PDB file of N, CA and C in Angstrom:
ATOM      1  N   MET A   1      21.824   9.537  18.149  1.00  0.00           N
ATOM      2  CA  MET A   1      20.915   8.485  18.647  1.00  0.00           C
ATOM      3  C   MET A   1      20.921   7.449  18.413  1.00  0.00           C
ATOM      4  N   ASN A   2      21.417   6.608  19.305  1.00  0.00           N
ATOM      5  CA  ASN A   2      21.269   4.665  19.209  1.00  0.00           C
ATOM      6  C   ASN A   2      19.692   4.112  19.351  1.00  0.00           C
ATOM      7  N   SER A   3      19.737   3.709  18.359  1.00  0.00           N
ATOM      8  CA  SER A   3      18.120   3.090  18.260  1.00  0.00           C
ATOM      9  C   SER A   3      18.190   1.511  18.491  1.00  0.00           C
ATOM     10  N   VAL A   4      17.767   0.716  19.320  1.00  0.00           N
ATOM     11  CA  VAL A   4      17.536  -0.572  20.045  1.00  0.00           C
ATOM     12  C   VAL A   4      16.501  -1.100  19.339  1.00  0.00           C
ATOM     13  N   ASP A   5      16.647  -2.687  18.957  1.00  0.00           N
ATOM     14  CA  ASP A   5      15.764  -2.858  18.294  1.00  0.00           C
ATOM     15  C   ASP A   5      14.881  -4.133  19.167  1.00  0.00           C
ATOM     16  N   TYR A   6      14.381  -4.695  19.406  1.00  0.00           N
ATOM     17  CA  TYR A   6      13.542  -5.339  20.065  1.00  0.00           C
ATOM     18  C   TYR A   6      12.900  -7.049  19.305  1.00  0.00           C
ATOM     19  N   TYR A   7      12.956  -7.957  20.590  1.00  0.00           N
ATOM     20  CA  TYR A   7      11.692  -9.036  18.809  1.00  0.00           C
ATOM     21  C   TYR A   7      11.204  -9.561  20.355  1.00  0.00           C
ATOM     22  N   ILE A   8       9.765 -10.335  20.160  1.00  0.00           N
ATOM     23  CA  ILE A   8       9.466 -11.409  20.919  1.00  0.00           C
ATOM     24  C   ILE A   8      10.044 -12.679  21.169  1.00  0.00           C
ATOM     25  N   CYS A   9      10.036 -13.070  22.616  1.00  0.00           N
ATOM     26  CA  CYS A   9       9.974 -14.384  21.942  1.00  0.00           C
ATOM     27  C   CYS A   9       9.260 -15.557  22.266  1.00  0.00           C
ATOM     28  N   PRO A  10       9.691 -16.427  20.859  1.00  0.00           N
ATOM     29  CA  PRO A  10       8.179 -17.390  20.579  1.00  0.00           C
ATOM     30  C   PRO A  10       8.194 -18.177  21.832  1.00  0.00           C
ATOM     31  N   GLY A  11       9.278 -19.021  22.579  1.00  0.00           N
ATOM     32  CA  GLY A  11       8.613 -19.479  23.504  1.00  0.00           C
ATOM     33  C   GLY A  11       7.004 -18.737  24.782  1.00  0.00           C
ATOM     34  N   CYS A  12       7.756 -17.883  25.264  1.00  0.00           N
ATOM     35  CA  CYS A  12       7.227 -16.804  26.394  1.00  0.00           C
ATOM     36  C   CYS A  12       6.721 -15.461  25.738  1.00  0.00           C
ATOM     37  N   GLY A  13       7.060 -15.335  24.932  1.00  0.00           N
ATOM     38  CA  GLY A  13       6.385 -13.592  24.487  1.00  0.00           C
ATOM     39  C   GLY A  13       6.643 -12.406  25.177  1.00  0.00           C
ATOM     40  N   VAL A  14       7.449 -12.986  25.913  1.00  0.00           N
ATOM     41  CA  VAL A  14       8.487 -11.543  27.160  1.00  0.00           C
ATOM     42  C   VAL A  14       9.673 -10.538  25.417  1.00  0.00           C
ATOM     43  N   GLU A  15       9.534  -8.737  25.777  1.00  0.00           N
ATOM     44  CA  GLU A  15       9.968  -8.203  24.674  1.00  0.00           C
ATOM     45  C   GLU A  15      11.842  -8.412  25.008  1.00  0.00           C
ATOM     46  N   LEU A  16      12.761  -8.858  23.888  1.00  0.00           N
ATOM     47  CA  LEU A  16      13.751  -9.238  24.527  1.00  0.00           C
ATOM     48  C   LEU A  16      14.584  -7.911  23.505  1.00  0.00           C
ATOM     49  N   GLU A  17      15.780  -7.128  23.776  1.00  0.00           N
ATOM     50  CA  GLU A  17      17.074  -6.456  22.584  1.00  0.00           C
ATOM     51  C   GLU A  17      17.379  -7.840  21.582  1.00  0.00           C
ATOM     52  N   VAL A  18      17.412  -7.241  20.917  1.00  0.00           N
ATOM     53  CA  VAL A  18      18.265  -8.301  19.168  1.00  0.00           C
ATOM     54  C   VAL A  18      19.773  -7.831  20.053  1.00  0.00           C
ATOM     55  N   GLY A  19      20.181  -8.958  19.857  1.00  0.00           N
ATOM     56  CA  GLY A  19      21.836  -9.328  19.919  1.00  0.00           C
ATOM     57  C   GLY A  19      21.598 -10.912  21.255  1.00  0.00           C
ATOM     58  N   ASN A  20      20.689 -10.477  22.048  1.00  0.00           N
ATOM     59  CA  ASN A  20      20.949 -11.546  23.069  1.00  0.00           C
ATOM     60  C   ASN A  20      21.234 -12.957  22.508  1.00  0.00           C
ATOM     61  N   ASN A  21      21.642 -14.022  23.359  1.00  0.00           N
ATOM     62  CA  ASN A  21      21.630 -15.680  22.492  1.00  0.00           C
ATOM     63  C   ASN A  21      20.663 -16.386  23.358  1.00  0.00           C
ATOM     64  N   GLY A  22      19.471 -15.427  23.950  1.00  0.00           N
ATOM     65  CA  GLY A  22      18.192 -16.432  24.301  1.00  0.00           C
ATOM     66  C   GLY A  22      17.502 -15.511  24.882  1.00  0.00           C
ATOM     67  N   CYS A  23      16.446 -16.582  26.216  1.00  0.00           N
ATOM     68  CA  CYS A  23      15.475 -15.741  26.733  1.00  0.00           C
ATOM     69  C   CYS A  23      15.749 -16.172  28.243  1.00  0.00           C
ATOM     70  N   PRO A  24      15.829 -15.182  29.030  1.00  0.00           N
ATOM     71  CA  PRO A  24      15.962 -15.468  30.148  1.00  0.00           C
ATOM     72  C   PRO A  24      15.111 -15.932  31.412  1.00  0.00           C
ATOM     73  N   THR A  25      14.087 -15.736  30.464  1.00  0.00           N
ATOM     74  CA  THR A  25      12.706 -17.008  31.279  1.00  0.00           C
ATOM     75  C   THR A  25      12.286 -17.579  30.897  1.00  0.00           C
ATOM     76  N   CYS A  26      12.813 -18.107  29.906  1.00  0.00           N
ATOM     77  CA  CYS A  26      11.936 -19.866  29.568  1.00  0.00           C
ATOM     78  C   CYS A  26      13.531 -20.654  28.987  1.00  0.00           C
ATOM     79  N   ASN A  27      14.566 -19.863  28.645  1.00  0.00           N
ATOM     80  CA  ASN A  27      15.918 -20.394  28.321  1.00  0.00           C
ATOM     81  C   ASN A  27      16.166 -20.882  27.353  1.00  0.00           C
ATOM     82  N   LYS A  28      14.878 -20.363  26.154  1.00  0.00           N
ATOM     83  CA  LYS A  28      14.869 -20.737  24.870  1.00  0.00           C
ATOM     84  C   LYS A  28      15.501 -19.787  23.932  1.00  0.00           C
ATOM     85  N   THR A  29      16.719 -20.189  22.811  1.00  0.00           N
ATOM     86  CA  THR A  29      17.523 -19.294  22.460  1.00  0.00           C
ATOM     87  C   THR A  29      17.198 -18.864  21.003  1.00  0.00           C
ATOM     88  N   GLU A  30      17.538 -17.733  20.765  1.00  0.00           N
ATOM     89  CA  GLU A  30      17.159 -17.460  19.483  1.00  0.00           C
ATOM     90  C   GLU A  30      17.682 -17.895  18.172  1.00  0.00           C
ATOM     91  N   LYS A  31      16.412 -18.518  17.259  1.00  0.00           N
ATOM     92  CA  LYS A  31      16.588 -19.337  16.263  1.00  0.00           C
ATOM     93  C   LYS A  31      16.830 -18.096  15.333  1.00  0.00           C
ATOM     94  N   LYS A  32      18.586 -18.772  14.553  1.00  0.00           N
ATOM     95  CA  LYS A  32      19.185 -18.396  13.619  1.00  0.00           C
ATOM     96  C   LYS A  32      18.818 -18.547  12.394  1.00  0.00           C
ATOM     97  N   ARG A  33      18.550 -17.994  11.242  1.00  0.00           N
ATOM     98  CA  ARG A  33      18.340 -18.615  10.054  1.00  0.00           C
ATOM     99  C   ARG A  33      19.447 -18.786   9.222  1.00  0.00           C
ATOM    100  N   LYS A  34      19.485 -19.621   8.458  1.00  0.00           N
ATOM    101  CA  LYS A  34      20.235 -20.511   7.597  1.00  0.00           C
ATOM    102  C   LYS A  34      20.083 -20.378   6.403  1.00  0.00           C
ATOM    103  N   GLY A  35      20.592 -19.644   5.590  1.00  0.00           N
ATOM    104  CA  GLY A  35      20.397 -19.742   4.544  1.00  0.00           C
ATOM    105  C   GLY A  35      18.852 -19.677   4.283  1.00  0.00           C
ATOM    106  N   TRP A  36      18.324 -20.091   2.735  1.00  0.00           N
ATOM    107  CA  TRP A  36      17.041 -19.775   2.290  1.00  0.00           C
ATOM    108  C   TRP A  36      16.220 -20.701   3.348  1.00  0.00           C
ATOM    109  N   GLU A  37      15.351 -20.545   3.615  1.00  0.00           N
ATOM    110  CA  GLU A  37      14.750 -21.054   4.921  1.00  0.00           C
ATOM    111  C   GLU A  37      12.783 -20.354   4.888  1.00  0.00           C
ATOM    112  N   GLN A  38      11.999 -21.527   4.833  1.00  0.00           N
ATOM    113  CA  GLN A  38      10.964 -20.299   4.873  1.00  0.00           C
ATOM    114  C   GLN A  38      10.228 -21.050   6.818  1.00  0.00           C
ATOM    115  N   ASP A  39       9.317 -20.207   6.859  1.00  0.00           N
ATOM    116  CA  ASP A  39       8.849 -20.199   8.091  1.00  0.00           C
ATOM    117  C   ASP A  39       7.936 -21.488   7.718  1.00  0.00           C
ATOM    118  N   SER A  40       7.390 -22.187   9.179  1.00  0.00           N
ATOM    119  CA  SER A  40       6.676 -22.748   9.381  1.00  0.00           C
ATOM    120  C   SER A  40       5.542 -23.013   8.754  1.00  0.00           C
ATOM    121  N   TYR A  41       4.817 -21.708   9.016  1.00  0.00           N
ATOM    122  CA  TYR A  41       3.319 -21.350   8.494  1.00  0.00           C
ATOM    123  C   TYR A  41       2.870 -21.453   7.248  1.00  0.00           C
ATOM    124  N   LEU A  42       4.577 -21.480   6.738  1.00  0.00           N
ATOM    125  CA  LEU A  42       3.926 -21.219   4.733  1.00  0.00           C
ATOM    126  C   LEU A  42       4.485 -22.993   4.110  1.00  0.00           C
ATOM    127  N   ASP A  43       4.183 -23.682   5.505  1.00  0.00           N
ATOM    128  CA  ASP A  43       3.807 -25.578   4.504  1.00  0.00           C
ATOM    129  C   ASP A  43       2.940 -26.077   4.423  1.00  0.00           C
ATOM    130  N   GLY A  44       1.741 -25.509   4.470  1.00  0.00           N
ATOM    131  CA  GLY A  44       0.208 -25.740   4.194  1.00  0.00           C
ATOM    132  C   GLY A  44       0.087 -25.306   3.048  1.00  0.00           C
ATOM    133  N   ILE A  45       0.719 -24.142   2.215  1.00  0.00           N
ATOM    134  CA  ILE A  45       0.256 -24.260   1.201  1.00  0.00           C
ATOM    135  C   ILE A  45       0.499 -24.525  -0.252  1.00  0.00           C
ATOM    136  N   ASP A  46      -0.255 -24.926  -0.942  1.00  0.00           N
ATOM    137  CA  ASP A  46      -0.476 -25.738  -2.052  1.00  0.00           C
ATOM    138  C   ASP A  46       0.439 -25.501  -3.686  1.00  0.00           C
ATOM    139  N   LEU A  47       1.791 -25.422  -3.439  1.00  0.00           N
ATOM    140  CA  LEU A  47       1.793 -24.704  -5.051  1.00  0.00           C
ATOM    141  C   LEU A  47       3.039 -25.919  -5.566  1.00  0.00           C
ATOM    142  N   PRO A  48       2.758 -25.674  -6.564  1.00  0.00           N
ATOM    143  CA  PRO A  48       2.588 -26.866  -8.202  1.00  0.00           C
ATOM    144  C   PRO A  48       4.121 -27.141  -7.645  1.00  0.00           C
ATOM    145  N   GLY A  49       4.737 -28.223  -8.288  1.00  0.00           N
ATOM    146  CA  GLY A  49       5.932 -29.422  -7.820  1.00  0.00           C
ATOM    147  C   GLY A  49       6.819 -28.876  -9.175  1.00  0.00           C
ATOM    148  N   GLU A  50       7.987 -29.505  -9.531  1.00  0.00           N
ATOM    149  CA  GLU A  50       8.710 -29.539 -10.965  1.00  0.00           C
ATOM    150  C   GLU A  50       8.027 -30.026 -12.090  1.00  0.00           C
ATOM    151  N   ASP A  51       7.070 -31.285 -11.858  1.00  0.00           N
ATOM    152  CA  ASP A  51       6.669 -31.928 -12.750  1.00  0.00           C
ATOM    153  C   ASP A  51       5.287 -31.341 -12.846  1.00  0.00           C
ATOM    154  N   ASP A  52       3.875 -30.755 -11.505  1.00  0.00           N
ATOM    155  CA  ASP A  52       3.162 -30.538 -12.008  1.00  0.00           C
ATOM    156  C   ASP A  52       3.140 -28.734 -12.776  1.00  0.00           C
ATOM    157  N   PHE A  53       3.840 -28.065 -13.430  1.00  0.00           N
ATOM    158  CA  PHE A  53       4.265 -27.448 -14.687  1.00  0.00           C
ATOM    159  C   PHE A  53       4.707 -27.209 -15.467  1.00  0.00           C
ATOM    160  N   ASP A  54       3.922 -26.650 -16.194  1.00  0.00           N
ATOM    161  CA  ASP A  54       4.224 -26.676 -17.672  1.00  0.00           C
ATOM    162  C   ASP A  54       4.484 -25.282 -18.099  1.00  0.00           C
ATOM    163  N   TYR A  55       5.972 -25.040 -18.437  1.00  0.00           N
ATOM    164  CA  TYR A  55       5.851 -23.712 -18.780  1.00  0.00           C
ATOM    165  C   TYR A  55       6.211 -23.310 -19.928  1.00  0.00           C
ATOM    166  N   ASP A  56       5.581 -24.049 -20.999  1.00  0.00           N
ATOM    167  CA  ASP A  56       5.085 -23.915 -22.624  1.00  0.00           C
ATOM    168  C   ASP A  56       3.845 -23.451 -22.538  1.00  0.00           C
ATOM    169  N   GLU A  57       3.307 -24.547 -21.368  1.00  0.00           N
ATOM    170  CA  GLU A  57       1.837 -23.922 -21.399  1.00  0.00           C
ATOM    171  C   GLU A  57       1.393 -22.621 -20.596  1.00  0.00           C
ATOM    172  N   PHE A  58       2.097 -21.640 -19.371  1.00  0.00           N
ATOM    173  CA  PHE A  58       2.145 -20.898 -18.958  1.00  0.00           C
ATOM    174  C   PHE A  58       2.602 -19.799 -20.282  1.00  0.00           C
ATOM    175  N   ARG A  59       3.316 -19.746 -21.250  1.00  0.00           N
ATOM    176  CA  ARG A  59       3.649 -18.900 -21.865  1.00  0.00           C
ATOM    177  C   ARG A  59       3.040 -18.492 -22.403  1.00  0.00           C
ATOM    178  N   GLN A  60       2.123 -19.705 -22.545  1.00  0.00           N
ATOM    179  CA  GLN A  60       0.888 -19.612 -24.233  1.00  0.00           C
ATOM    180  C   GLN A  60       0.083 -18.946 -23.836  1.00  0.00           C
ATOM    181  N   ARG A  61      -0.263 -19.092 -22.336  1.00  0.00           N
ATOM    182  CA  ARG A  61      -1.341 -18.481 -21.785  1.00  0.00           C
ATOM    183  C   ARG A  61      -1.574 -17.035 -21.539  1.00  0.00           C
ATOM    184  N   GLU A  62      -0.295 -16.967 -20.695  1.00  0.00           N
ATOM    185  CA  GLU A  62       0.073 -15.159 -20.177  1.00  0.00           C
ATOM    186  C   GLU A  62       0.627 -14.140 -21.623  1.00  0.00           C
ATOM    187  N   PHE A  63       1.372 -14.802 -22.606  1.00  0.00           N
ATOM    188  CA  PHE A  63       1.367 -13.826 -23.267  1.00  0.00           C
ATOM    189  C   PHE A  63       1.231 -14.063 -25.043  1.00  0.00           C
ATOM    190  N   GLY A  64       0.324 -14.993 -24.672  1.00  0.00           N
ATOM    191  CA  GLY A  64      -0.140 -15.325 -26.270  1.00  0.00           C
ATOM    192  C   GLY A  64       0.229 -16.339 -27.273  1.00  0.00           C
ATOM    193  N   GLY A  65       0.450 -16.451 -28.634  1.00  0.00           N
ATOM    194  CA  GLY A  65       0.807 -17.875 -29.576  1.00  0.00           C
ATOM    195  C   GLY A  65       1.735 -16.327 -30.571  1.00  0.00           C
ATOM    196  N   GLY A  66       1.666 -15.108 -30.169  1.00  0.00           N
ATOM    197  CA  GLY A  66       2.008 -14.071 -31.528  1.00  0.00           C
ATOM    198  C   GLY A  66       3.311 -14.175 -31.404  1.00  0.00           C
ATOM    199  N   LEU A  67       3.946 -13.992 -32.927  1.00  0.00           N
ATOM    200  CA  LEU A  67       4.976 -14.033 -33.363  1.00  0.00           C
ATOM    201  C   LEU A  67       6.240 -12.641 -32.314  1.00  0.00           C
ATOM    202  N   ARG A  68       7.157 -13.342 -32.093  1.00  0.00           N
ATOM    203  CA  ARG A  68       7.887 -12.636 -31.656  1.00  0.00           C
ATOM    204  C   ARG A  68       8.859 -11.146 -32.271  1.00  0.00           C
ATOM    205  N   PRO A  69       8.669  -9.965 -31.887  1.00  0.00           N
ATOM    206  CA  PRO A  69       9.833  -9.045 -32.803  1.00  0.00           C
ATOM    207  C   PRO A  69      10.958  -9.516 -32.776  1.00  0.00           C
ATOM    208  N   LYS A  70      11.804  -9.390 -34.334  1.00  0.00           N
ATOM    209  CA  LYS A  70      13.191  -9.946 -34.490  1.00  0.00           C
ATOM    210  C   LYS A  70      14.278  -8.932 -34.270  1.00  0.00           C
ATOM    211  N   GLY A  71      13.738  -8.059 -34.286  1.00  0.00           N
ATOM    212  CA  GLY A  71      15.058  -6.529 -33.993  1.00  0.00           C
ATOM    213  C   GLY A  71      13.963  -5.229 -33.366  1.00  0.00           C
ATOM    214  N   ILE A  72      14.695  -4.472 -33.493  1.00  0.00           N
ATOM    215  CA  ILE A  72      14.381  -2.817 -32.727  1.00  0.00           C
ATOM    216  C   ILE A  72      14.261  -2.571 -34.733  1.00  0.00           C
ATOM    217  N   LYS A  73      13.268  -1.288 -34.552  1.00  0.00           N
ATOM    218  CA  LYS A  73      13.060  -0.969 -36.818  1.00  0.00           C
ATOM    219  C   LYS A  73      14.249  -0.279 -36.542  1.00  0.00           C
ATOM    220  N   PRO A  74      14.393   0.663 -37.899  1.00  0.00           N
ATOM    221  CA  PRO A  74      15.613   1.683 -37.782  1.00  0.00           C
ATOM    222  C   PRO A  74      15.030   2.916 -37.345  1.00  0.00           C
ATOM    223  N   VAL A  75      13.708   2.741 -37.326  1.00  0.00           N
ATOM    224  CA  VAL A  75      13.070   4.358 -36.511  1.00  0.00           C
ATOM    225  C   VAL A  75      13.764   4.438 -35.417  1.00  0.00           C
ATOM    226  N   TRP A  76      13.529   3.620 -35.090  1.00  0.00           N
ATOM    227  CA  TRP A  76      14.644   4.084 -33.343  1.00  0.00           C
ATOM    228  C   TRP A  76      15.595   3.959 -33.470  1.00  0.00           C
ATOM    229  N   TRP A  77      16.180   2.834 -33.661  1.00  0.00           N
ATOM    230  CA  TRP A  77      17.553   3.075 -34.438  1.00  0.00           C
ATOM    231  C   TRP A  77      18.176   4.764 -34.315  1.00  0.00           C
ATOM    232  N   LEU A  78      17.669   5.221 -35.351  1.00  0.00           N
ATOM    233  CA  LEU A  78      16.770   6.934 -35.644  1.00  0.00           C
ATOM    234  C   LEU A  78      17.316   7.636 -35.007  1.00  0.00           C
ATOM    235  N   THR A  79      15.896   7.452 -33.997  1.00  0.00           N
ATOM    236  CA  THR A  79      15.934   8.389 -32.945  1.00  0.00           C
ATOM    237  C   THR A  79      16.487   8.493 -31.912  1.00  0.00           C
ATOM    238  N   GLY A  80      17.166   6.895 -31.470  1.00  0.00           N
ATOM    239  CA  GLY A  80      18.071   6.951 -30.201  1.00  0.00           C
ATOM    240  C   GLY A  80      19.267   8.154 -30.799  1.00  0.00           C
ATOM    241  N   ILE A  81      19.869   7.568 -31.993  1.00  0.00           N
ATOM    242  CA  ILE A  81      21.289   8.474 -32.262  1.00  0.00           C
ATOM    243  C   ILE A  81      20.757   9.997 -32.272  1.00  0.00           C
ATOM    244  N   PHE A  82      19.676  10.488 -33.132  1.00  0.00           N
ATOM    245  CA  PHE A  82      19.668  11.423 -32.156  1.00  0.00           C
ATOM    246  C   PHE A  82      19.373  11.985 -31.261  1.00  0.00           C
ATOM    247  N   LEU A  83      18.355  11.898 -30.202  1.00  0.00           N
ATOM    248  CA  LEU A  83      18.767  12.165 -29.075  1.00  0.00           C
ATOM    249  C   LEU A  83      20.157  11.796 -28.339  1.00  0.00           C
ATOM    250  N   LEU A  84      20.812  11.399 -28.813  1.00  0.00           N
ATOM    251  CA  LEU A  84      22.464  10.969 -28.639  1.00  0.00           C
ATOM    252  C   LEU A  84      23.172  12.034 -28.188  1.00  0.00           C
ATOM    253  N   ILE A  85      23.151  13.089 -29.909  1.00  0.00           N
ATOM    254  CA  ILE A  85      23.628  13.279 -30.964  1.00  0.00           C
ATOM    255  C   ILE A  85      22.881  15.055 -30.175  1.00  0.00           C
ATOM    256  N   ALA A  86      21.796  15.465 -29.918  1.00  0.00           N
ATOM    257  CA  ALA A  86      20.567  16.565 -28.902  1.00  0.00           C
ATOM    258  C   ALA A  86      21.643  16.456 -27.701  1.00  0.00           C
ATOM    259  N   PHE A  87      21.384  15.459 -26.855  1.00  0.00           N
ATOM    260  CA  PHE A  87      21.920  15.579 -25.457  1.00  0.00           C
ATOM    261  C   PHE A  87      23.331  16.144 -25.494  1.00  0.00           C
ATOM    262  N   GLY A  88      23.845  15.456 -26.173  1.00  0.00           N
ATOM    263  CA  GLY A  88      25.629  15.538 -25.958  1.00  0.00           C
ATOM    264  C   GLY A  88      26.201  17.208 -26.991  1.00  0.00           C
ATOM    265  N   TRP A  89      25.096  17.626 -28.018  1.00  0.00           N
ATOM    266  CA  TRP A  89      25.494  19.300 -28.072  1.00  0.00           C
ATOM    267  C   TRP A  89      25.062  19.735 -26.700  1.00  0.00           C
ATOM    268  N   MET A  90      23.622  19.601 -26.401  1.00  0.00           N
ATOM    269  CA  MET A  90      23.237  20.338 -25.122  1.00  0.00           C
ATOM    270  C   MET A  90      24.478  20.810 -24.373  1.00  0.00           C
ATOM    271  N   ALA A  91      24.799  19.721 -23.957  1.00  0.00           N
ATOM    272  CA  ALA A  91      25.870  19.109 -22.564  1.00  0.00           C
ATOM    273  C   ALA A  91      27.529  19.885 -23.049  1.00  0.00           C
ATOM    274  N   LEU A  92      27.885  20.247 -24.634  1.00  0.00           N
ATOM    275  CA  LEU A  92      28.676  20.821 -25.063  1.00  0.00           C
ATOM    276  C   LEU A  92      28.918  22.679 -24.677  1.00  0.00           C
ATOM    277  N   GLN A  93      26.925  22.706 -24.873  1.00  0.00           N
ATOM    278  CA  GLN A  93      26.699  24.180 -24.618  1.00  0.00           C
ATOM    279  C   GLN A  93      26.586  24.449 -23.293  1.00  0.00           C
ATOM    280  N   GLY A  94      26.447  23.976 -22.527  1.00  0.00           N
ATOM    281  CA  GLY A  94      26.327  24.236 -21.015  1.00  0.00           C
ATOM    282  C   GLY A  94      24.936  24.437 -20.705  1.00  0.00           C
ATOM    283  N   TRP A  95      23.797  23.555 -21.568  1.00  0.00           N
ATOM    284  CA  TRP A  95      22.497  23.656 -21.205  1.00  0.00           C
ATOM    285  C   TRP A  95      22.505  22.966 -19.728  1.00  0.00           C
TER     286      TRP A  95
END
């Protein structure tokens, strides 16, 4: 079963089949998006620019200033190795 998608003409509001080159009622062509493009209703949003955003302050606020872990503790390495061996053994036994 072939399903056909429709869109609403931005000029006159008539429902048209996707793939049409334009609206036969108002002769307005379908706008093709090229690359990264935002809708015009998003133009009024007040987002910070590059100069307004301080990444270090954001990181400090969100994640705190605690020390970052240096690596994985040996107990987790041993647990991982044990699980790999156990799963390998189970696979060989046909479980």
